[in-house]
Protein backbone atom coordinates (compact mmCIF):
# COMPACT_ATOMS: atom_id res chain seq x y z
CA MET A 1 78.80 111.81 120.54
CA ASP A 2 77.99 109.31 117.85
CA ASP A 3 79.20 108.22 114.73
CA GLY A 4 78.40 110.79 112.42
CA THR A 5 79.33 113.55 114.54
CA ARG A 6 82.56 112.03 115.57
CA CYS A 7 83.70 111.54 111.95
CA VAL A 8 82.68 115.15 111.41
CA ARG A 9 84.61 116.86 114.27
CA GLY A 10 87.47 114.26 114.02
CA GLY A 11 90.39 115.71 114.69
CA THR A 12 89.12 119.15 115.16
CA ALA A 13 91.12 121.02 117.82
CA PRO A 14 88.36 122.19 120.50
CA GLY A 15 87.69 125.77 120.74
CA PRO A 16 87.60 128.76 121.31
CA HIS A 17 89.41 129.08 117.85
CA PRO A 18 91.30 132.54 117.48
CA VAL A 19 89.11 135.27 115.14
CA GLY A 20 90.45 134.62 111.64
CA SER A 21 91.87 131.42 112.42
CA PRO A 22 90.74 128.62 108.96
CA VAL A 23 87.74 126.20 109.95
CA HIS A 24 89.18 123.98 107.55
CA PRO A 25 93.70 123.80 108.13
CA GLY A 26 95.04 122.53 105.42
CA PRO A 27 97.75 120.15 105.00
CA VAL A 28 101.32 120.86 106.88
CA LEU A 29 103.49 120.19 103.74
CA SER A 30 107.07 121.05 105.24
CA ALA A 31 109.73 117.97 105.51
CA THR A 32 111.74 120.09 107.83
CA PHE A 33 111.10 122.51 110.67
CA HIS A 34 112.45 125.06 112.83
CA LEU A 35 114.86 124.04 115.78
CA GLY A 36 115.79 126.59 117.41
CA LEU A 37 119.29 127.39 118.60
CA PRO A 38 121.68 125.19 120.33
CA HIS A 39 121.15 126.52 123.70
CA ASP A 40 117.17 126.29 123.18
CA ALA A 41 115.52 123.86 125.29
CA ASP A 42 113.79 120.57 123.67
CA SER A 43 110.56 121.24 123.82
CA GLY A 44 108.94 118.00 121.92
CA ALA A 45 108.03 120.15 118.79
CA ASP A 46 108.03 119.00 115.18
CA PHE A 47 111.70 119.12 113.74
CA TYR A 48 111.19 116.81 110.65
CA GLY A 49 108.46 115.39 108.33
CA ARG A 50 109.72 111.48 109.12
CA ALA A 51 109.04 111.44 112.49
CA ASP A 52 105.81 113.35 112.71
CA ASN A 53 103.36 115.99 111.31
CA PRO A 54 100.93 118.12 112.57
CA THR A 55 98.52 116.80 109.71
CA TRP A 56 99.18 113.27 111.14
CA ARG A 57 98.05 114.28 114.37
CA GLU A 58 95.13 115.57 113.38
CA LEU A 59 94.44 112.27 111.57
CA GLU A 60 95.61 110.03 114.10
CA SER A 61 93.43 111.46 116.76
CA ALA A 62 90.05 111.12 114.77
CA ILE A 63 90.71 107.42 113.93
CA GLY A 64 91.92 106.84 117.10
CA ASP A 65 88.72 108.47 118.92
CA LEU A 66 86.98 105.91 116.08
CA ASP A 67 89.27 102.97 117.37
CA GLY A 68 89.31 103.36 120.81
CA GLY A 69 93.34 103.49 121.40
CA PRO A 70 96.44 105.36 120.24
CA CYS A 71 96.26 105.51 116.21
CA THR A 72 99.57 105.27 114.04
CA ILE A 73 99.13 106.37 110.48
CA PHE A 74 101.24 104.58 107.82
CA ALA A 75 101.41 105.02 103.71
CA SER A 76 99.68 102.36 102.88
CA GLY A 77 97.80 99.15 104.48
CA MET A 78 100.09 96.64 104.00
CA ALA A 79 102.88 99.20 105.48
CA ALA A 80 100.84 99.07 108.52
CA ILE A 81 100.55 95.20 108.30
CA ALA A 82 103.64 94.30 107.31
CA ALA A 83 104.91 96.97 110.84
CA VAL A 84 102.36 94.96 112.94
CA MET A 85 104.04 91.34 111.73
CA ARG A 86 107.05 92.49 111.81
CA SER A 87 107.08 94.61 115.43
CA PHE A 88 105.56 91.59 116.84
CA THR A 89 107.46 88.68 115.73
CA GLY A 90 110.61 86.85 115.75
CA PRO A 91 112.48 84.21 116.71
CA GLY A 92 110.28 81.85 118.97
CA ARG A 93 107.70 84.15 118.33
CA GLY A 94 105.75 83.18 115.29
CA VAL A 95 102.48 84.25 113.61
CA LEU A 96 98.79 82.37 112.84
CA LEU A 97 97.02 84.18 110.17
CA PRO A 98 94.18 83.78 108.11
CA SER A 99 94.34 81.11 105.29
CA ASP A 100 91.65 82.67 103.21
CA GLY A 101 92.43 86.35 103.82
CA TYR A 102 93.85 88.93 101.84
CA TYR A 103 96.83 87.11 99.76
CA VAL A 104 99.36 89.76 100.32
CA SER A 105 99.37 89.71 104.33
CA ARG A 106 100.47 85.68 103.81
CA LEU A 107 102.95 86.99 101.12
CA VAL A 108 105.03 89.09 103.70
CA ALA A 109 104.80 86.48 106.25
CA ASP A 110 106.03 83.49 103.84
CA GLU A 111 108.45 85.61 101.81
CA ASP A 112 109.48 88.02 104.66
CA LEU A 113 109.18 86.28 107.54
CA ALA A 114 109.62 82.96 106.95
CA PRO A 115 113.14 83.12 105.90
CA LEU A 116 114.48 84.51 108.68
CA GLY A 117 113.05 81.45 110.96
CA ILE A 118 109.98 83.09 111.94
CA ASP A 119 107.20 80.01 112.18
CA VAL A 120 104.16 80.51 110.04
CA ARG A 121 100.64 79.23 110.31
CA THR A 122 97.13 79.83 108.86
CA CYS A 123 93.82 79.20 109.92
CA ALA A 124 90.71 79.33 107.96
CA THR A 125 88.76 82.44 109.06
CA ALA A 126 85.87 80.14 110.16
CA GLY A 127 88.18 77.69 111.22
CA ASP A 128 88.88 76.39 114.99
CA TRP A 129 91.43 79.05 115.93
CA THR A 130 91.68 77.80 119.86
CA ALA A 131 92.98 74.16 118.41
CA ALA A 132 95.20 76.20 116.03
CA LEU A 133 96.96 78.08 119.27
CA GLN A 134 97.65 74.98 120.94
CA HIS A 135 100.02 73.97 118.37
CA ARG A 136 103.70 74.34 119.74
CA PRO A 137 105.24 76.79 119.66
CA ALA A 138 102.61 78.97 120.34
CA PRO A 139 102.80 81.93 118.13
CA GLY A 140 103.65 85.74 119.55
CA LEU A 141 100.86 87.45 117.19
CA VAL A 142 97.84 86.17 116.04
CA LEU A 143 96.48 88.36 112.87
CA LEU A 144 92.90 87.96 111.85
CA GLU A 145 90.49 89.33 109.18
CA THR A 146 86.81 89.32 109.56
CA PRO A 147 84.70 89.92 107.81
CA SER A 148 87.38 88.21 105.52
CA ASN A 149 88.08 89.60 102.23
CA PRO A 150 87.32 88.14 99.68
CA GLY A 151 85.05 85.66 101.54
CA LEU A 152 83.88 87.36 103.95
CA GLU A 153 83.40 84.61 106.66
CA VAL A 154 83.22 85.66 110.02
CA CYS A 155 85.39 84.60 113.20
CA ASP A 156 84.68 85.21 117.20
CA ILE A 157 87.48 88.05 117.92
CA ARG A 158 86.58 87.88 121.77
CA ALA A 159 87.20 84.36 121.79
CA ILE A 160 90.06 84.26 120.05
CA ALA A 161 91.33 86.77 121.95
CA GLU A 162 91.35 85.22 125.28
CA ALA A 163 92.80 82.18 123.47
CA ALA A 164 95.83 83.96 122.05
CA HIS A 165 96.08 85.65 125.94
CA ALA A 166 96.25 82.53 127.01
CA VAL A 167 99.21 81.47 125.04
CA GLY A 168 100.96 84.57 125.30
CA ALA A 169 100.11 85.76 122.08
CA LEU A 170 98.97 89.61 121.08
CA LEU A 171 95.97 89.86 119.01
CA ALA A 172 95.62 92.08 115.62
CA VAL A 173 92.82 92.36 113.77
CA ASP A 174 92.37 93.64 110.45
CA ASN A 175 89.09 95.85 110.39
CA THR A 176 89.51 96.85 106.60
CA THR A 177 85.84 95.60 105.46
CA ALA A 178 84.30 96.51 108.60
CA THR A 179 85.36 100.35 109.12
CA PRO A 180 85.85 101.48 112.55
CA LEU A 181 82.23 102.53 112.68
CA GLY A 182 81.21 99.13 111.93
CA GLN A 183 83.62 97.07 114.23
CA ARG A 184 85.60 98.24 117.35
CA PRO A 185 87.95 94.90 118.09
CA LEU A 186 89.91 96.79 120.29
CA GLU A 187 86.52 96.73 122.71
CA LEU A 188 86.30 92.79 121.81
CA GLY A 189 89.76 92.35 123.44
CA ALA A 190 91.95 92.75 120.57
CA ASP A 191 95.47 94.04 121.31
CA LEU A 192 95.99 95.68 117.87
CA VAL A 193 93.51 96.94 114.95
CA VAL A 194 95.09 97.25 111.77
CA ALA A 195 93.22 98.55 108.03
CA SER A 196 93.78 100.05 104.88
CA ASP A 197 92.56 103.59 105.02
CA THR A 198 92.64 103.47 101.20
CA LYS A 199 89.32 102.06 101.17
CA ALA A 200 85.98 103.18 103.16
CA LEU A 201 87.64 104.91 105.32
CA ALA A 202 89.31 107.96 103.07
CA GLY A 203 86.35 106.61 100.61
CA HIS A 204 86.97 108.20 97.45
CA GLY A 205 89.85 106.24 95.92
CA ASP A 206 92.81 109.05 95.65
CA VAL A 207 94.74 107.99 98.54
CA LEU A 208 96.87 105.12 99.86
CA LEU A 209 96.90 105.21 103.45
CA GLY A 210 96.96 102.94 106.13
CA HIS A 211 96.66 102.74 110.04
CA VAL A 212 97.41 100.76 113.41
CA SER A 213 95.26 101.51 116.63
CA ALA A 214 96.41 100.01 120.07
CA ALA A 215 95.72 99.17 123.28
CA ASP A 216 98.08 99.26 124.92
CA PRO A 217 100.11 102.70 124.72
CA VAL A 218 103.60 100.48 124.79
CA HIS A 219 102.41 98.81 121.54
CA ALA A 220 101.45 102.29 120.11
CA GLU A 221 105.18 103.76 120.55
CA ARG A 222 106.50 100.68 119.23
CA LEU A 223 104.98 101.17 116.07
CA ARG A 224 105.70 105.07 115.67
CA ALA A 225 109.54 104.10 116.23
CA ALA A 226 109.21 101.50 113.71
CA ARG A 227 107.61 103.83 111.31
CA THR A 228 110.05 106.43 111.73
CA ARG A 229 113.08 103.95 111.06
CA GLY A 230 111.32 102.20 108.13
CA GLY A 231 110.31 105.45 106.56
CA ALA A 232 106.88 104.21 105.32
CA VAL A 233 105.71 107.37 106.37
CA PRO A 234 101.97 108.89 104.68
CA GLY A 235 102.16 111.78 102.71
CA PRO A 236 100.72 115.13 104.36
CA MET A 237 98.48 115.47 101.48
CA GLU A 238 96.93 112.18 101.47
CA THR A 239 96.58 112.36 105.06
CA TRP A 240 94.77 115.51 104.91
CA LEU A 241 92.76 114.08 101.58
CA ALA A 242 92.06 111.11 104.02
CA LEU A 243 90.57 113.17 107.24
CA ARG A 244 88.18 115.13 104.33
CA GLY A 245 86.94 111.95 103.41
CA LEU A 246 86.43 110.70 106.91
CA GLY A 247 84.05 113.58 107.73
CA THR A 248 81.34 111.38 105.46
CA LEU A 249 82.38 107.75 106.32
CA ASP A 250 78.73 107.54 108.33
CA LEU A 251 76.58 108.95 105.52
CA ARG A 252 78.83 106.59 103.06
CA LEU A 253 78.51 103.57 104.57
CA ALA A 254 75.00 103.64 105.62
CA ARG A 255 74.58 104.08 101.64
CA GLN A 256 76.69 101.14 100.64
CA ALA A 257 75.17 98.69 103.20
CA GLU A 258 71.65 99.76 101.61
CA ASN A 259 72.63 98.83 98.30
CA ALA A 260 74.88 95.84 99.31
CA ARG A 261 71.65 94.32 100.77
CA ALA A 262 69.11 95.59 97.77
CA LEU A 263 71.88 93.90 95.31
CA ALA A 264 72.31 90.96 97.54
CA VAL A 265 69.03 90.14 97.89
CA ALA A 266 68.42 90.79 93.95
CA LEU A 267 71.66 88.82 92.80
CA ARG A 268 69.87 85.46 94.63
CA GLU A 269 66.85 85.49 92.59
CA HIS A 270 68.82 85.53 89.61
CA PRO A 271 69.83 82.24 87.39
CA ALA A 272 73.47 82.98 86.56
CA VAL A 273 74.31 83.52 89.99
CA THR A 274 75.23 81.51 92.68
CA ASP A 275 76.39 81.46 96.61
CA VAL A 276 75.71 84.90 97.31
CA ARG A 277 77.62 86.11 100.24
CA TRP A 278 76.49 89.12 102.63
CA PRO A 279 77.19 88.95 106.18
CA GLY A 280 74.01 91.62 106.81
CA LEU A 281 71.46 89.31 105.28
CA ALA A 282 69.49 86.81 108.33
CA ASP A 283 70.47 83.82 106.74
CA ASP A 284 73.88 84.34 105.59
CA PRO A 285 75.79 81.56 107.70
CA ALA A 286 77.97 84.46 109.35
CA HIS A 287 74.90 86.88 110.21
CA LEU A 288 74.75 85.17 113.91
CA LEU A 289 78.04 86.05 114.81
CA ALA A 290 78.78 88.76 112.97
CA ARG A 291 75.33 90.21 114.47
CA SER A 292 76.91 89.83 117.88
CA GLN A 293 80.31 91.86 117.09
CA MET A 294 79.72 94.47 114.50
CA ARG A 295 77.99 97.44 115.20
CA ARG A 296 76.58 97.79 111.60
CA TRP A 297 76.94 96.47 108.21
CA ASN A 298 79.40 97.81 105.21
CA GLY A 299 78.98 97.49 101.23
CA ILE A 300 80.72 94.87 100.45
CA LEU A 301 79.02 91.49 98.67
CA ARG A 302 80.39 88.66 96.94
CA PHE A 303 78.55 86.38 94.55
CA THR A 304 79.92 83.39 92.28
CA LEU A 305 79.49 83.22 88.31
CA PRO A 306 79.72 80.30 86.32
CA SER A 307 83.09 81.32 84.48
CA THR A 308 85.58 83.92 84.01
CA HIS A 309 84.20 84.53 80.28
CA ALA A 310 80.89 85.23 82.31
CA VAL A 311 82.45 87.65 84.61
CA GLY A 312 84.27 89.44 81.95
CA GLU A 313 80.95 89.54 80.11
CA PHE A 314 79.27 90.95 83.11
CA LEU A 315 81.90 93.46 83.96
CA ASP A 316 81.69 94.67 80.29
CA ALA A 317 77.78 94.80 80.60
CA CYS A 318 77.74 97.11 83.61
CA GLU A 319 77.46 101.09 83.36
CA LEU A 320 77.35 101.58 87.05
CA VAL A 321 80.30 98.80 88.29
CA ASP A 322 83.73 99.51 87.40
CA SER A 323 86.34 96.99 86.80
CA THR A 324 88.84 97.91 89.48
CA THR A 325 90.36 95.96 92.61
CA SER A 326 89.50 98.00 95.54
CA PHE A 327 86.45 98.72 97.74
CA GLY A 328 84.80 101.22 100.18
CA SER A 329 84.69 103.71 97.67
CA LEU A 330 81.60 106.08 96.09
CA ARG A 331 81.32 104.24 93.37
CA THR A 332 80.79 100.21 92.80
CA CYS A 333 83.17 98.16 91.92
CA ALA A 334 84.21 94.61 91.44
CA ASP A 335 86.82 92.23 90.14
CA ARG A 336 87.10 88.76 89.81
CA ARG A 337 89.10 87.52 92.59
CA ALA A 338 90.80 84.45 91.18
CA ARG A 339 92.91 86.50 88.92
CA TRP A 340 95.14 87.16 91.78
CA GLY A 341 95.60 84.15 93.05
CA ASP A 342 92.93 83.51 95.98
CA ALA A 343 92.06 79.69 96.57
CA VAL A 344 88.60 80.63 95.17
CA PRO A 345 86.10 79.47 92.32
CA GLU A 346 87.19 81.07 89.13
CA GLY A 347 83.62 82.91 88.88
CA LEU A 348 83.74 84.62 92.47
CA VAL A 349 83.05 88.11 92.00
CA ARG A 350 83.78 90.67 95.35
CA LEU A 351 81.70 93.93 94.44
CA SER A 352 81.79 96.59 96.58
CA ALA A 353 78.62 98.64 96.59
CA GLY A 354 79.20 102.58 96.25
CA CYS A 355 76.54 105.63 96.64
CA GLU A 356 74.45 105.39 93.77
CA ASP A 357 71.02 105.52 93.83
CA THR A 358 69.96 102.50 94.63
CA ALA A 359 67.52 101.53 92.07
CA ASP A 360 70.01 102.82 89.00
CA LEU A 361 72.47 100.34 90.51
CA VAL A 362 70.23 97.21 91.09
CA GLY A 363 68.82 97.61 87.49
CA ASP A 364 72.13 97.86 86.11
CA VAL A 365 73.75 94.72 87.63
CA LEU A 366 70.62 93.03 86.48
CA ARG A 367 70.37 94.05 82.94
CA ALA A 368 74.33 93.25 82.99
CA LEU A 369 73.57 89.78 84.18
CA ASP A 370 70.79 89.21 81.99
CA ALA A 371 73.45 89.97 79.07
CA VAL A 372 75.29 87.00 80.58
CA VAL A 373 72.27 84.64 80.72
CA ARG A 374 71.71 85.74 77.12
């Protein structure tokens, strides 16, 4: 089955279905489940909401099918990333992660892992990861983010997987910007794929959720056990909303990529804008590598305005661009990334194209930029 069918049908049990059963079952909201009597055999059934939930399993089945490995969902993308870093590092098994990726991942490494004596090192997304892996002691975990957030730089997943495995390290790939439809890191040699499903997968800006999918079922079980012990579990309602949102991911991603392309082309011609990056453009520095490992494009682009003030004027003049710090939703949004501490120019804007009509969105952005110039 192709992408659209798997998104729409993901998590649905195969038929035949009993007459009168719901086509769209709702979330299982109970925190506790009937145990039976002491002499009843352990059937492996649900017993407590921190350990498992039928709604979780539906979404995990759907995402795991798209990623290509067993999936474990978490309460947020950062809960998923933190679980990976804590589960697969330790004394003598450090972590190598991007210096230009999502800043909170670096905070977890620097403020939670490093004080425990765990070696933390970084490499630029477009840098020499093979050379970074030769430094001793070798890391136990390598975390990539490609395309990176917010720079939209790209690195070679397959090549880095080979280099990581050669020194005995696991490779995890943060796939949030690409989505499971845009890129399948497990097929490229990664051991783990992690994402914030708050973004494009759920797609409506109304849930916090994350997941990790693993190539090795043993790693998947380790993460499930860590989730149960740590309690970073998603709510059944959020899980159900994400499953519902997943059904339109294929359609949303197509419109978002169409809008991102149109915006990137238009922005390049505007005098207020410099350094437009979107890997889907044929002459983008990351295009050839991205095309070799990505299955389709997404809706995230970046560009730079002359100053912090110019970004404020731009956002204030937009009618169809929300000033918010997320991406992948139905609604177009943008934020100035330097405000969060990213090492980027003060006027760098990350824009997530939504599902508005393309002509409306491009016209609104250009009118707002004209106001900046005036």
